[in-house]
């Protein structure tokens, strides 16, 4: 997870796009029971931008493995 700031409105759009599911395991946030983090699909250090099309949700379990 990067420390890049993601505006609240963008985070809300990403949550709706993801249907409140982890992009890795597809588990719904209500089952995980903890807030998910925003993750870059193409990492920032590889040129990925902080834009809606390059963001998804990640549960902490999967994010810690990536």
PDB file of N, CA and C in Angstrom:
ATOM      1  N   UNK A   1       0.848  -1.161   0.000  1.00  0.00           N
ATOM      2  CA  UNK A   1       0.000   0.000   0.000  1.00  0.00           C
ATOM      3  C   UNK A   1       0.892   1.222   0.000  1.00  0.00           C
ATOM      4  N   UNK A   2       0.585   2.143  -0.871  1.00  0.00           N
ATOM      5  CA  UNK A   2       1.357   3.371  -0.912  1.00  0.00           C
ATOM      6  C   UNK A   2       0.758   4.369   0.059  1.00  0.00           C
ATOM      7  N   UNK A   3       1.498   5.426   0.291  1.00  0.00           N
ATOM      8  CA  UNK A   3       1.014   6.497   1.153  1.00  0.00           C
ATOM      9  C   UNK A   3       0.343   7.595   0.350  1.00  0.00           C
ATOM     10  N   UNK A   4       0.094   7.352  -0.920  1.00  0.00           N
ATOM     11  CA  UNK A   4      -0.540   8.344  -1.769  1.00  0.00           C
ATOM     12  C   UNK A   4      -1.941   8.653  -1.260  1.00  0.00           C
ATOM     13  N   UNK A   5      -2.231   9.932  -1.175  1.00  0.00           N
ATOM     14  CA  UNK A   5      -3.557  10.367  -0.738  1.00  0.00           C
ATOM     15  C   UNK A   5      -4.574  10.074  -1.835  1.00  0.00           C
ATOM     16  N   UNK A   6      -5.674   9.455  -1.458  1.00  0.00           N
ATOM     17  CA  UNK A   6      -6.776   9.196  -2.385  1.00  0.00           C
ATOM     18  C   UNK A   6      -7.980   9.979  -1.856  1.00  0.00           C
ATOM     19  N   UNK A   7      -8.444  10.977  -2.610  1.00  0.00           N
ATOM     20  CA  UNK A   7      -9.584  11.773  -2.145  1.00  0.00           C
ATOM     21  C   UNK A   7     -10.807  10.904  -1.829  1.00  0.00           C
ATOM     22  N   UNK A   8     -11.590  11.363  -0.886  1.00  0.00           N
ATOM     23  CA  UNK A   8     -12.774  10.625  -0.432  1.00  0.00           C
ATOM     24  C   UNK A   8     -13.717  10.289  -1.589  1.00  0.00           C
ATOM     25  N   UNK A   9     -13.934  11.244  -2.499  1.00  0.00           N
ATOM     26  CA  UNK A   9     -14.851  10.979  -3.619  1.00  0.00           C
ATOM     27  C   UNK A   9     -14.297   9.892  -4.535  1.00  0.00           C
ATOM     28  N   UNK A  10     -12.989   9.899  -4.769  1.00  0.00           N
ATOM     29  CA  UNK A  10     -12.375   8.867  -5.609  1.00  0.00           C
ATOM     30  C   UNK A  10     -12.457   7.513  -4.912  1.00  0.00           C
ATOM     31  N   UNK A  11     -12.194   7.492  -3.626  1.00  0.00           N
ATOM     32  CA  UNK A  11     -12.301   6.236  -2.872  1.00  0.00           C
ATOM     33  C   UNK A  11     -13.721   5.687  -2.968  1.00  0.00           C
ATOM     34  N   UNK A  12     -14.713   6.548  -2.839  1.00  0.00           N
ATOM     35  CA  UNK A  12     -16.108   6.121  -2.952  1.00  0.00           C
ATOM     36  C   UNK A  12     -16.414   5.526  -4.315  1.00  0.00           C
ATOM     37  N   UNK A  13     -15.873   6.131  -5.369  1.00  0.00           N
ATOM     38  CA  UNK A  13     -16.077   5.607  -6.724  1.00  0.00           C
ATOM     39  C   UNK A  13     -15.443   4.227  -6.864  1.00  0.00           C
ATOM     40  N   UNK A  14     -14.236   4.077  -6.321  1.00  0.00           N
ATOM     41  CA  UNK A  14     -13.537   2.786  -6.395  1.00  0.00           C
ATOM     42  C   UNK A  14     -14.320   1.720  -5.621  1.00  0.00           C
ATOM     43  N   UNK A  15     -14.841   2.078  -4.458  1.00  0.00           N
ATOM     44  CA  UNK A  15     -15.636   1.125  -3.674  1.00  0.00           C
ATOM     45  C   UNK A  15     -16.877   0.677  -4.437  1.00  0.00           C
ATOM     46  N   UNK A  16     -17.546   1.614  -5.096  1.00  0.00           N
ATOM     47  CA  UNK A  16     -18.727   1.253  -5.889  1.00  0.00           C
ATOM     48  C   UNK A  16     -18.342   0.390  -7.088  1.00  0.00           C
ATOM     49  N   UNK A  17     -17.263   0.769  -7.779  1.00  0.00           N
ATOM     50  CA  UNK A  17     -16.800  -0.023  -8.926  1.00  0.00           C
ATOM     51  C   UNK A  17     -16.496  -1.461  -8.507  1.00  0.00           C
ATOM     52  N   UNK A  18     -15.885  -1.607  -7.339  1.00  0.00           N
ATOM     53  CA  UNK A  18     -15.485  -2.930  -6.839  1.00  0.00           C
ATOM     54  C   UNK A  18     -16.637  -3.668  -6.162  1.00  0.00           C
ATOM     55  N   UNK A  19     -17.766  -2.982  -6.033  1.00  0.00           N
ATOM     56  CA  UNK A  19     -18.921  -3.556  -5.336  1.00  0.00           C
ATOM     57  C   UNK A  19     -18.562  -3.966  -3.912  1.00  0.00           C
ATOM     58  N   UNK A  20     -17.650  -3.177  -3.313  1.00  0.00           N
ATOM     59  CA  UNK A  20     -17.211  -3.392  -1.930  1.00  0.00           C
ATOM     60  C   UNK A  20     -16.600  -4.783  -1.745  1.00  0.00           C
ATOM     61  N   UNK A  21     -15.862  -5.238  -2.761  1.00  0.00           N
ATOM     62  CA  UNK A  21     -15.188  -6.541  -2.702  1.00  0.00           C
ATOM     63  C   UNK A  21     -13.686  -6.360  -2.910  1.00  0.00           C
ATOM     64  N   UNK A  22     -12.915  -7.243  -2.326  1.00  0.00           N
ATOM     65  CA  UNK A  22     -11.467  -7.244  -2.521  1.00  0.00           C
ATOM     66  C   UNK A  22     -11.162  -7.592  -3.975  1.00  0.00           C
ATOM     67  N   UNK A  23     -10.267  -6.848  -4.592  1.00  0.00           N
ATOM     68  CA  UNK A  23      -9.887  -7.111  -5.973  1.00  0.00           C
ATOM     69  C   UNK A  23      -9.098  -8.399  -6.151  1.00  0.00           C
ATOM     70  N   UNK A  24      -8.503  -8.912  -5.078  1.00  0.00           N
ATOM     71  CA  UNK A  24      -7.715 -10.141  -5.157  1.00  0.00           C
ATOM     72  C   UNK A  24      -8.577 -11.385  -4.928  1.00  0.00           C
ATOM     73  N   UNK A  25      -9.300 -11.413  -3.802  1.00  0.00           N
ATOM     74  CA  UNK A  25     -10.039 -12.631  -3.436  1.00  0.00           C
ATOM     75  C   UNK A  25     -11.551 -12.514  -3.650  1.00  0.00           C
ATOM     76  N   UNK A  26     -12.026 -11.313  -3.982  1.00  0.00           N
ATOM     77  CA  UNK A  26     -13.438 -11.023  -4.254  1.00  0.00           C
ATOM     78  C   UNK A  26     -14.365 -11.188  -3.049  1.00  0.00           C
ATOM     79  N   UNK A  27     -13.791 -11.275  -1.858  1.00  0.00           N
ATOM     80  CA  UNK A  27     -14.603 -11.383  -0.657  1.00  0.00           C
ATOM     81  C   UNK A  27     -15.232 -10.028  -0.336  1.00  0.00           C
ATOM     82  N   UNK A  28     -16.530  -9.997  -0.044  1.00  0.00           N
ATOM     83  CA  UNK A  28     -17.182  -8.732   0.306  1.00  0.00           C
ATOM     84  C   UNK A  28     -16.654  -8.158   1.628  1.00  0.00           C
ATOM     85  N   UNK A  29     -16.607  -6.847   1.693  1.00  0.00           N
ATOM     86  CA  UNK A  29     -16.121  -6.176   2.895  1.00  0.00           C
ATOM     87  C   UNK A  29     -16.952  -6.545   4.118  1.00  0.00           C
ATOM     88  N   UNK A  30     -18.243  -6.748   3.961  1.00  0.00           N
ATOM     89  CA  UNK A  30     -19.094  -7.082   5.110  1.00  0.00           C
ATOM     90  C   UNK A  30     -18.700  -8.425   5.726  1.00  0.00           C
ATOM     91  N   UNK A  31     -18.125  -9.328   4.934  1.00  0.00           N
ATOM     92  CA  UNK A  31     -17.671 -10.619   5.466  1.00  0.00           C
ATOM     93  C   UNK A  31     -16.304 -10.467   6.124  1.00  0.00           C
ATOM     94  N   UNK A  32     -15.445  -9.668   5.521  1.00  0.00           N
ATOM     95  CA  UNK A  32     -14.110  -9.441   6.079  1.00  0.00           C
ATOM     96  C   UNK A  32     -14.219  -8.725   7.423  1.00  0.00           C
ATOM     97  N   UNK A  33     -15.146  -7.780   7.498  1.00  0.00           N
ATOM     98  CA  UNK A  33     -15.389  -7.102   8.759  1.00  0.00           C
ATOM     99  C   UNK A  33     -14.392  -6.018   9.126  1.00  0.00           C
ATOM    100  N   UNK A  34     -13.523  -5.680   8.216  1.00  0.00           N
ATOM    101  CA  UNK A  34     -12.535  -4.622   8.445  1.00  0.00           C
ATOM    102  C   UNK A  34     -12.492  -3.732   7.218  1.00  0.00           C
ATOM    103  N   UNK A  35     -12.102  -2.484   7.390  1.00  0.00           N
ATOM    104  CA  UNK A  35     -11.987  -1.609   6.224  1.00  0.00           C
ATOM    105  C   UNK A  35     -10.948  -2.145   5.238  1.00  0.00           C
ATOM    106  N   UNK A  36     -11.223  -1.959   3.969  1.00  0.00           N
ATOM    107  CA  UNK A  36     -10.267  -2.342   2.935  1.00  0.00           C
ATOM    108  C   UNK A  36      -9.406  -1.138   2.586  1.00  0.00           C
ATOM    109  N   UNK A  37      -8.291  -1.416   1.955  1.00  0.00           N
ATOM    110  CA  UNK A  37      -7.391  -0.349   1.533  1.00  0.00           C
ATOM    111  C   UNK A  37      -7.497  -0.176   0.027  1.00  0.00           C
ATOM    112  N   UNK A  38      -7.135   1.003  -0.434  1.00  0.00           N
ATOM    113  CA  UNK A  38      -7.067   1.259  -1.868  1.00  0.00           C
ATOM    114  C   UNK A  38      -5.709   0.778  -2.354  1.00  0.00           C
ATOM    115  N   UNK A  39      -5.691   0.060  -3.449  1.00  0.00           N
ATOM    116  CA  UNK A  39      -4.448  -0.462  -4.012  1.00  0.00           C
ATOM    117  C   UNK A  39      -4.368  -0.082  -5.480  1.00  0.00           C
ATOM    118  N   UNK A  40      -3.162   0.134  -5.950  1.00  0.00           N
ATOM    119  CA  UNK A  40      -2.932   0.417  -7.366  1.00  0.00           C
ATOM    120  C   UNK A  40      -2.834  -0.906  -8.121  1.00  0.00           C
ATOM    121  N   UNK A  41      -3.536  -1.034  -9.217  1.00  0.00           N
ATOM    122  CA  UNK A  41      -3.452  -2.236 -10.053  1.00  0.00           C
ATOM    123  C   UNK A  41      -2.064  -2.291 -10.684  1.00  0.00           C
ATOM    124  N   UNK A  42      -1.663  -1.211 -11.331  1.00  0.00           N
ATOM    125  CA  UNK A  42      -0.286  -1.061 -11.808  1.00  0.00           C
ATOM    126  C   UNK A  42       0.418  -0.209 -10.761  1.00  0.00           C
ATOM    127  N   UNK A  43       1.400  -0.760 -10.058  1.00  0.00           N
ATOM    128  CA  UNK A  43       2.042  -0.035  -8.963  1.00  0.00           C
ATOM    129  C   UNK A  43       2.594   1.330  -9.384  1.00  0.00           C
ATOM    130  N   UNK A  44       2.558   2.249  -8.444  1.00  0.00           N
ATOM    131  CA  UNK A  44       3.084   3.588  -8.712  1.00  0.00           C
ATOM    132  C   UNK A  44       4.543   3.540  -9.138  1.00  0.00           C
ATOM    133  N   UNK A  45       5.323   2.672  -8.509  1.00  0.00           N
ATOM    134  CA  UNK A  45       6.748   2.631  -8.843  1.00  0.00           C
ATOM    135  C   UNK A  45       7.006   2.045 -10.232  1.00  0.00           C
ATOM    136  N   UNK A  46       5.971   1.531 -10.857  1.00  0.00           N
ATOM    137  CA  UNK A  46       6.093   1.070 -12.241  1.00  0.00           C
ATOM    138  C   UNK A  46       5.336   1.990 -13.185  1.00  0.00           C
ATOM    139  N   UNK A  47       5.027   3.195 -12.698  1.00  0.00           N
ATOM    140  CA  UNK A  47       4.368   4.181 -13.544  1.00  0.00           C
ATOM    141  C   UNK A  47       2.864   4.254 -13.421  1.00  0.00           C
ATOM    142  N   UNK A  48       2.285   3.489 -12.517  1.00  0.00           N
ATOM    143  CA  UNK A  48       0.838   3.516 -12.330  1.00  0.00           C
ATOM    144  C   UNK A  48       0.384   4.830 -11.710  1.00  0.00           C
ATOM    145  N   UNK A  49      -0.730   5.324 -12.179  1.00  0.00           N
ATOM    146  CA  UNK A  49      -1.255   6.592 -11.687  1.00  0.00           C
ATOM    147  C   UNK A  49      -2.362   6.368 -10.661  1.00  0.00           C
ATOM    148  N   UNK A  50      -2.600   7.392  -9.874  1.00  0.00           N
ATOM    149  CA  UNK A  50      -3.681   7.353  -8.895  1.00  0.00           C
ATOM    150  C   UNK A  50      -4.937   7.889  -9.563  1.00  0.00           C
ATOM    151  N   UNK A  51      -5.505   7.056 -10.421  1.00  0.00           N
ATOM    152  CA  UNK A  51      -6.728   7.379 -11.153  1.00  0.00           C
ATOM    153  C   UNK A  51      -7.695   6.210 -10.984  1.00  0.00           C
ATOM    154  N   UNK A  52      -8.957   6.497 -11.141  1.00  0.00           N
ATOM    155  CA  UNK A  52     -10.020   5.504 -10.920  1.00  0.00           C
ATOM    156  C   UNK A  52      -9.754   4.185 -11.647  1.00  0.00           C
ATOM    157  N   UNK A  53      -9.314   4.262 -12.884  1.00  0.00           N
ATOM    158  CA  UNK A  53      -9.108   3.050 -13.693  1.00  0.00           C
ATOM    159  C   UNK A  53      -7.937   2.195 -13.201  1.00  0.00           C
ATOM    160  N   UNK A  54      -7.085   2.743 -12.348  1.00  0.00           N
ATOM    161  CA  UNK A  54      -5.923   2.007 -11.874  1.00  0.00           C
ATOM    162  C   UNK A  54      -6.013   1.677 -10.379  1.00  0.00           C
ATOM    163  N   UNK A  55      -7.191   1.799  -9.806  1.00  0.00           N
ATOM    164  CA  UNK A  55      -7.345   1.537  -8.376  1.00  0.00           C
ATOM    165  C   UNK A  55      -8.396   0.462  -8.139  1.00  0.00           C
ATOM    166  N   UNK A  56      -8.180  -0.307  -7.092  1.00  0.00           N
ATOM    167  CA  UNK A  56      -9.185  -1.247  -6.644  1.00  0.00           C
ATOM    168  C   UNK A  56      -9.047  -1.427  -5.142  1.00  0.00           C
ATOM    169  N   UNK A  57      -9.962  -2.171  -4.556  1.00  0.00           N
ATOM    170  CA  UNK A  57      -9.927  -2.428  -3.122  1.00  0.00           C
ATOM    171  C   UNK A  57      -9.123  -3.685  -2.846  1.00  0.00           C
ATOM    172  N   UNK A  58      -8.488  -3.695  -1.684  1.00  0.00           N
ATOM    173  CA  UNK A  58      -7.745  -4.879  -1.268  1.00  0.00           C
ATOM    174  C   UNK A  58      -7.976  -5.108   0.217  1.00  0.00           C
ATOM    175  N   UNK A  59      -8.269  -6.345   0.570  1.00  0.00           N
ATOM    176  CA  UNK A  59      -8.343  -6.664   1.996  1.00  0.00           C
ATOM    177  C   UNK A  59      -6.899  -6.736   2.502  1.00  0.00           C
ATOM    178  N   UNK A  60      -6.721  -6.514   3.766  1.00  0.00           N
ATOM    179  CA  UNK A  60      -5.360  -6.447   4.311  1.00  0.00           C
ATOM    180  C   UNK A  60      -4.613  -7.767   4.157  1.00  0.00           C
ATOM    181  N   UNK A  61      -5.312  -8.876   4.195  1.00  0.00           N
ATOM    182  CA  UNK A  61      -4.656 -10.185   4.032  1.00  0.00           C
ATOM    183  C   UNK A  61      -3.929 -10.265   2.697  1.00  0.00           C
ATOM    184  N   UNK A  62      -4.620  -9.894   1.619  1.00  0.00           N
ATOM    185  CA  UNK A  62      -4.015  -9.972   0.294  1.00  0.00           C
ATOM    186  C   UNK A  62      -3.006  -8.870   0.072  1.00  0.00           C
ATOM    187  N   UNK A  63      -3.279  -7.695   0.609  1.00  0.00           N
ATOM    188  CA  UNK A  63      -2.358  -6.581   0.414  1.00  0.00           C
ATOM    189  C   UNK A  63      -1.020  -6.867   1.065  1.00  0.00           C
ATOM    190  N   UNK A  64      -1.029  -7.520   2.201  1.00  0.00           N
ATOM    191  CA  UNK A  64       0.216  -7.855   2.888  1.00  0.00           C
ATOM    192  C   UNK A  64       1.030  -8.868   2.096  1.00  0.00           C
ATOM    193  N   UNK A  65       0.390  -9.667   1.258  1.00  0.00           N
ATOM    194  CA  UNK A  65       1.093 -10.662   0.443  1.00  0.00           C
ATOM    195  C   UNK A  65       1.651 -10.078  -0.845  1.00  0.00           C
ATOM    196  N   UNK A  66       1.093  -8.960  -1.291  1.00  0.00           N
ATOM    197  CA  UNK A  66       1.524  -8.405  -2.586  1.00  0.00           C
ATOM    198  C   UNK A  66       2.757  -7.551  -2.454  1.00  0.00           C
TER     199      UNK A  66
END
